[in-house]
Protein backbone atom coordinates (compact mmCIF):
# COMPACT_ATOMS: atom_id res chain seq x y z
CA MET A 1 27.02 -0.68 -9.49
CA ASN A 2 26.13 -2.23 -6.11
CA GLU A 3 22.43 -0.92 -6.00
CA ARG A 4 19.77 -3.47 -5.30
CA PRO A 5 15.97 -3.17 -5.40
CA LYS A 6 14.35 -1.88 -2.26
CA VAL A 7 11.56 -3.74 -0.57
CA GLY A 8 8.27 -1.85 -0.25
CA LEU A 9 5.05 -3.06 1.34
CA GLY A 10 1.60 -2.28 0.52
CA VAL A 11 -1.38 -3.31 2.93
CA PHE A 12 -4.89 -3.97 1.76
CA VAL A 13 -7.08 -2.89 4.64
CA ILE A 14 -10.52 -4.27 3.93
CA LYS A 15 -13.52 -3.21 5.69
CA GLU A 16 -17.08 -4.18 4.43
CA ARG A 17 -15.51 -5.35 1.06
CA LYS A 18 -13.96 -1.88 0.70
CA ILE A 19 -10.30 -1.11 0.51
CA LEU A 20 -8.57 1.87 2.18
CA MET A 21 -6.68 3.91 -0.55
CA GLY A 22 -4.64 7.15 -0.15
CA LYS A 23 -3.69 9.81 -2.79
CA ARG A 24 0.07 10.24 -2.71
CA LYS A 25 1.86 13.61 -2.69
CA ASN A 26 5.44 14.87 -2.32
CA SER A 27 6.84 11.53 -3.41
CA HIS A 28 7.35 9.46 -6.44
CA GLY A 29 4.01 8.62 -7.86
CA GLU A 30 2.49 11.86 -6.67
CA GLY A 31 -1.21 12.22 -7.51
CA THR A 32 -1.71 8.51 -7.76
CA TRP A 33 -3.81 6.18 -5.45
CA ALA A 34 -2.01 3.76 -3.42
CA LEU A 35 -2.47 1.47 -0.29
CA PRO A 36 -0.95 2.42 3.08
CA GLY A 37 2.40 0.97 3.34
CA GLY A 38 6.06 1.86 3.03
CA HIS A 39 9.62 0.30 3.45
CA LEU A 40 10.25 -2.93 5.15
CA GLU A 41 12.75 -2.08 7.98
CA MET A 42 15.76 -4.36 8.77
CA PHE A 43 14.75 -7.44 10.87
CA GLU A 44 11.11 -6.53 10.70
CA THR A 45 8.38 -9.19 9.79
CA TRP A 46 5.91 -8.33 7.07
CA GLU A 47 3.20 -8.36 9.67
CA GLU A 48 4.99 -5.91 11.98
CA CYS A 49 5.70 -3.58 9.08
CA SER A 50 2.11 -3.79 7.89
CA LYS A 51 0.74 -2.90 11.48
CA ARG A 52 3.25 -0.12 11.84
CA GLU A 53 2.75 1.50 8.50
CA VAL A 54 -0.99 1.52 8.69
CA LEU A 55 -1.05 2.86 12.20
CA GLU A 56 1.58 5.59 11.47
CA GLU A 57 -0.25 6.59 8.26
CA THR A 58 -3.89 6.23 9.20
CA GLY A 59 -4.27 5.82 13.12
CA ILE A 60 -6.19 2.62 12.71
CA ASN A 61 -5.42 -0.99 13.85
CA ILE A 62 -5.65 -3.99 11.60
CA LYS A 63 -6.09 -7.84 12.16
CA ASN A 64 -6.02 -11.12 10.40
CA LEU A 65 -2.95 -10.31 8.36
CA LYS A 66 -1.75 -12.69 5.61
CA PHE A 67 0.33 -12.52 2.36
CA GLY A 68 -1.47 -11.47 -0.61
CA ALA A 69 1.00 -11.08 -3.64
CA VAL A 70 4.26 -9.64 -4.77
CA THR A 71 5.24 -7.46 -7.74
CA ASN A 72 8.50 -6.27 -9.49
CA ASP A 73 8.17 -2.65 -10.04
CA ILE A 74 10.55 -0.45 -12.02
CA PHE A 75 9.88 3.20 -11.78
CA GLU A 76 11.72 4.26 -15.01
CA LYS A 77 11.41 8.10 -14.58
CA GLU A 78 12.65 8.09 -10.90
CA ASN A 79 15.26 5.42 -11.65
CA LYS A 80 13.94 3.27 -8.80
CA HIS A 81 13.34 -0.35 -8.58
CA TYR A 82 11.27 -1.99 -5.90
CA ILE A 83 10.03 -5.47 -4.97
CA THR A 84 6.51 -4.83 -3.43
CA ILE A 85 4.99 -7.16 -1.08
CA PHE A 86 1.15 -6.95 -0.69
CA MET A 87 -0.35 -7.82 2.63
CA LEU A 88 -3.98 -8.59 3.18
CA SER A 89 -5.64 -7.31 6.41
CA GLU A 90 -8.98 -6.51 7.87
CA TYR A 91 -9.94 -3.30 9.64
CA ASP A 92 -9.82 -3.76 13.29
CA PHE A 93 -10.55 -0.49 15.13
CA GLY A 94 -9.86 3.15 15.09
CA GLU A 95 -10.89 6.26 13.13
CA VAL A 96 -9.11 6.83 9.84
CA LYS A 97 -7.13 10.04 10.07
CA LEU A 98 -4.60 11.90 7.86
CA LEU A 99 -1.57 11.42 9.99
CA GLU A 100 1.09 12.20 7.36
CA PRO A 101 -0.64 15.24 5.30
CA ASN A 102 2.81 15.82 3.80
CA LYS A 103 2.79 12.41 2.05
CA CYS A 104 -0.98 11.73 1.48
CA GLU A 105 -3.76 14.08 0.42
CA GLU A 106 -6.62 12.04 1.61
CA TRP A 107 -7.84 8.56 2.58
CA ARG A 108 -10.83 6.95 1.06
CA TRP A 109 -12.62 3.47 1.09
CA MET A 110 -13.04 2.30 -2.41
CA ASP A 111 -14.37 -0.80 -4.22
CA TRP A 112 -11.76 -3.09 -5.86
CA ASP A 113 -13.65 -3.05 -9.22
CA GLU A 114 -14.16 0.86 -9.13
CA PHE A 115 -10.47 1.77 -8.45
CA PRO A 116 -9.50 5.12 -10.23
CA GLU A 117 -7.37 5.02 -13.33
CA ASN A 118 -4.47 6.98 -11.70
CA LEU A 119 -3.09 4.11 -9.63
CA PHE A 120 0.54 3.99 -8.08
CA LEU A 121 2.71 1.79 -10.28
CA THR A 122 2.74 -1.02 -7.75
CA LEU A 123 -1.02 -1.32 -7.74
CA SER A 124 -1.22 -0.94 -11.59
CA ASN A 125 1.27 -3.76 -12.05
CA LEU A 126 -0.79 -6.02 -9.60
CA ARG A 127 -4.10 -5.07 -11.48
CA LYS A 128 -2.57 -6.67 -14.52
CA THR A 129 -2.60 -9.98 -12.79
CA ASP A 130 -5.67 -11.99 -11.73
CA PHE A 131 -5.14 -11.13 -8.19
CA ASN A 132 -8.19 -10.20 -6.11
CA PRO A 133 -7.89 -9.21 -2.52
CA LEU A 134 -11.58 -9.97 -1.75
CA ILE A 135 -11.37 -13.51 -2.73
């Protein structure tokens, strides 16, 4: 078996101490809340991936990117394994739009301390640590 974990990237987009969250659909983790993000492409920097994914999914631009955390995520039911890089960013400009309605039901600004229970596995794993994107 030559399979290896894939590299996923989730972006904390922060605006007025709130975090942009999307409700997933038509993918693993359907019905759970997740950050904008996706797969790291070959030869792409984490910052490039962050900006690209956020713009593709939401139509907004971000700034002041920096590394936040990393998790090791095993999706047992789907037989998938990801290393997830979490990046921190600030909202820059643009209006949040649902640009991939086949992948996301809605976008919503949420408080870190009031996240819903049904989080995507990567975020659920991150919440088990003492990581706080607002510090």
